[in-house]
Amino acid sequence: MLEEYFFSCPYCWEKISMLLDLTAGGQTYVEDCEVCCNPISIYFDVEDGAVAAFQAETSGQT
């Protein structure tokens, strides 16, 4: 199950969204901001089919 999740980019502070796959449990990966193209480290955890924790940080890969 995919869920659209909204958050602010840690570089440009624009509100963006990503599709999170809730069936895969918690995940950690890097994805580029759709506005400023900087790499964002994404972490999220899933409990009972819902996002229980979410973090979006600068990745240090600029």
N, C-alpha and C. Protein backbone atom coordinates (compact mmCIF):
# COMPACT_ATOMS: atom_id res chain seq x y z
N MET A 1 0.84 -1.18 0.00
CA MET A 1 0.00 0.00 0.00
C MET A 1 0.89 1.24 0.00
N LEU A 2 0.64 2.13 -0.93
CA LEU A 2 1.39 3.38 -1.03
C LEU A 2 0.60 4.51 -0.36
N GLU A 3 1.34 5.39 0.32
CA GLU A 3 0.72 6.55 0.96
C GLU A 3 1.53 7.79 0.62
N GLU A 4 0.84 8.85 0.19
CA GLU A 4 1.52 10.11 -0.08
C GLU A 4 1.79 10.82 1.24
N TYR A 5 3.05 11.19 1.46
CA TYR A 5 3.46 11.82 2.72
C TYR A 5 4.07 13.19 2.41
N PHE A 6 3.59 14.23 3.07
CA PHE A 6 4.04 15.61 2.84
C PHE A 6 5.01 16.03 3.93
N PHE A 7 6.07 16.75 3.54
CA PHE A 7 7.06 17.26 4.50
C PHE A 7 7.83 18.41 3.84
N SER A 8 8.63 19.12 4.62
CA SER A 8 9.45 20.22 4.09
C SER A 8 10.85 19.73 3.79
N CYS A 9 11.38 20.12 2.64
CA CYS A 9 12.74 19.78 2.26
C CYS A 9 13.71 20.43 3.25
N PRO A 10 14.70 19.68 3.76
CA PRO A 10 15.66 20.27 4.71
C PRO A 10 16.66 21.24 4.08
N TYR A 11 16.63 21.39 2.76
CA TYR A 11 17.51 22.34 2.06
C TYR A 11 16.77 23.62 1.69
N CYS A 12 15.69 23.50 0.92
CA CYS A 12 15.00 24.68 0.39
C CYS A 12 13.71 25.01 1.17
N TRP A 13 13.30 24.13 2.07
CA TRP A 13 12.12 24.30 2.93
C TRP A 13 10.79 24.31 2.19
N GLU A 14 10.81 23.97 0.91
CA GLU A 14 9.56 23.84 0.15
C GLU A 14 8.81 22.60 0.62
N LYS A 15 7.49 22.67 0.63
CA LYS A 15 6.68 21.51 0.98
C LYS A 15 6.63 20.57 -0.22
N ILE A 16 7.06 19.33 -0.01
CA ILE A 16 7.06 18.33 -1.07
C ILE A 16 6.38 17.06 -0.56
N SER A 17 6.16 16.12 -1.45
CA SER A 17 5.57 14.85 -1.03
C SER A 17 6.32 13.69 -1.67
N MET A 18 6.24 12.55 -1.01
CA MET A 18 6.81 11.31 -1.53
C MET A 18 5.81 10.20 -1.29
N LEU A 19 5.84 9.21 -2.17
CA LEU A 19 5.01 8.02 -1.97
C LEU A 19 5.81 7.03 -1.13
N LEU A 20 5.25 6.65 0.02
CA LEU A 20 5.90 5.70 0.91
C LEU A 20 5.21 4.35 0.79
N ASP A 21 6.00 3.29 0.67
CA ASP A 21 5.47 1.93 0.59
C ASP A 21 5.31 1.38 2.01
N LEU A 22 4.09 1.39 2.52
CA LEU A 22 3.84 0.98 3.90
C LEU A 22 3.90 -0.53 4.09
N THR A 23 3.85 -1.30 3.01
CA THR A 23 3.90 -2.76 3.13
C THR A 23 5.32 -3.26 3.37
N ALA A 24 6.32 -2.44 3.14
CA ALA A 24 7.72 -2.86 3.29
C ALA A 24 8.26 -2.61 4.70
N GLY A 25 7.43 -2.11 5.61
CA GLY A 25 7.92 -1.78 6.95
C GLY A 25 8.77 -0.53 6.91
N GLY A 26 9.64 -0.38 7.88
CA GLY A 26 10.51 0.78 7.93
C GLY A 26 11.55 0.75 6.82
N GLN A 27 11.94 1.93 6.35
CA GLN A 27 12.93 2.03 5.28
C GLN A 27 13.84 3.23 5.51
N THR A 28 15.04 3.14 4.95
CA THR A 28 15.99 4.24 4.92
C THR A 28 16.56 4.31 3.51
N TYR A 29 16.53 5.49 2.91
CA TYR A 29 17.08 5.66 1.57
C TYR A 29 17.32 7.13 1.28
N VAL A 30 17.96 7.44 0.16
CA VAL A 30 18.22 8.82 -0.26
C VAL A 30 17.43 9.08 -1.53
N GLU A 31 16.72 10.21 -1.55
CA GLU A 31 15.97 10.62 -2.73
C GLU A 31 16.14 12.11 -2.93
N ASP A 32 16.23 12.56 -4.18
CA ASP A 32 16.42 13.97 -4.47
C ASP A 32 15.13 14.76 -4.29
N CYS A 33 15.26 16.00 -3.78
CA CYS A 33 14.14 16.92 -3.67
C CYS A 33 13.62 17.24 -5.07
N GLU A 34 12.31 17.23 -5.25
CA GLU A 34 11.73 17.53 -6.56
C GLU A 34 11.80 19.01 -6.91
N VAL A 35 12.14 19.86 -5.93
CA VAL A 35 12.23 21.31 -6.18
C VAL A 35 13.68 21.74 -6.39
N CYS A 36 14.56 21.45 -5.43
CA CYS A 36 15.95 21.94 -5.50
C CYS A 36 16.96 20.87 -5.92
N CYS A 37 16.53 19.63 -6.04
CA CYS A 37 17.35 18.50 -6.52
C CYS A 37 18.46 18.06 -5.56
N ASN A 38 18.48 18.56 -4.34
CA ASN A 38 19.47 18.11 -3.36
C ASN A 38 19.06 16.75 -2.78
N PRO A 39 20.05 15.92 -2.40
CA PRO A 39 19.74 14.58 -1.87
C PRO A 39 19.25 14.64 -0.42
N ILE A 40 18.13 14.01 -0.15
CA ILE A 40 17.52 13.98 1.17
C ILE A 40 17.60 12.55 1.71
N SER A 41 18.11 12.41 2.94
CA SER A 41 18.09 11.11 3.62
C SER A 41 16.71 10.94 4.24
N ILE A 42 16.02 9.91 3.79
CA ILE A 42 14.66 9.62 4.25
C ILE A 42 14.69 8.41 5.16
N TYR A 43 14.03 8.50 6.29
CA TYR A 43 13.83 7.36 7.18
C TYR A 43 12.37 7.37 7.61
N PHE A 44 11.72 6.22 7.54
CA PHE A 44 10.38 6.12 8.12
C PHE A 44 10.16 4.72 8.67
N ASP A 45 9.27 4.66 9.66
CA ASP A 45 8.91 3.39 10.29
C ASP A 45 7.40 3.25 10.22
N VAL A 46 6.94 2.02 10.09
CA VAL A 46 5.51 1.73 9.94
C VAL A 46 5.04 0.84 11.08
N GLU A 47 3.91 1.21 11.68
CA GLU A 47 3.28 0.39 12.71
C GLU A 47 1.79 0.32 12.41
N ASP A 48 1.24 -0.88 12.40
CA ASP A 48 -0.19 -1.10 12.16
C ASP A 48 -0.66 -0.44 10.86
N GLY A 49 0.18 -0.49 9.82
CA GLY A 49 -0.20 0.02 8.52
C GLY A 49 -0.18 1.53 8.38
N ALA A 50 0.44 2.24 9.34
CA ALA A 50 0.51 3.70 9.29
C ALA A 50 1.93 4.16 9.59
N VAL A 51 2.29 5.35 9.11
CA VAL A 51 3.61 5.91 9.39
C VAL A 51 3.68 6.27 10.87
N ALA A 52 4.63 5.63 11.59
CA ALA A 52 4.80 5.87 13.02
C ALA A 52 5.91 6.88 13.30
N ALA A 53 6.90 6.93 12.40
CA ALA A 53 8.01 7.88 12.55
C ALA A 53 8.49 8.26 11.15
N PHE A 54 8.92 9.51 11.00
CA PHE A 54 9.41 9.99 9.71
C PHE A 54 10.50 11.02 9.96
N GLN A 55 11.62 10.91 9.22
CA GLN A 55 12.69 11.89 9.27
C GLN A 55 13.18 12.19 7.88
N ALA A 56 13.41 13.45 7.59
CA ALA A 56 14.00 13.88 6.33
C ALA A 56 15.13 14.84 6.68
N GLU A 57 16.38 14.44 6.36
CA GLU A 57 17.55 15.22 6.73
C GLU A 57 18.46 15.43 5.54
N THR A 58 19.34 16.43 5.66
CA THR A 58 20.36 16.61 4.62
C THR A 58 21.23 15.37 4.63
N SER A 59 21.64 14.93 3.45
CA SER A 59 22.35 13.65 3.36
C SER A 59 23.86 13.79 3.44
N GLY A 60 24.39 15.00 3.29
CA GLY A 60 25.82 15.18 3.31
C GLY A 60 26.49 14.72 2.02
N GLN A 61 25.69 14.46 0.97
CA GLN A 61 26.23 13.99 -0.31
C GLN A 61 26.21 15.09 -1.36
N THR A 62 26.13 16.35 -0.97
CA THR A 62 26.08 17.43 -1.94
C THR A 62 27.42 17.68 -2.58
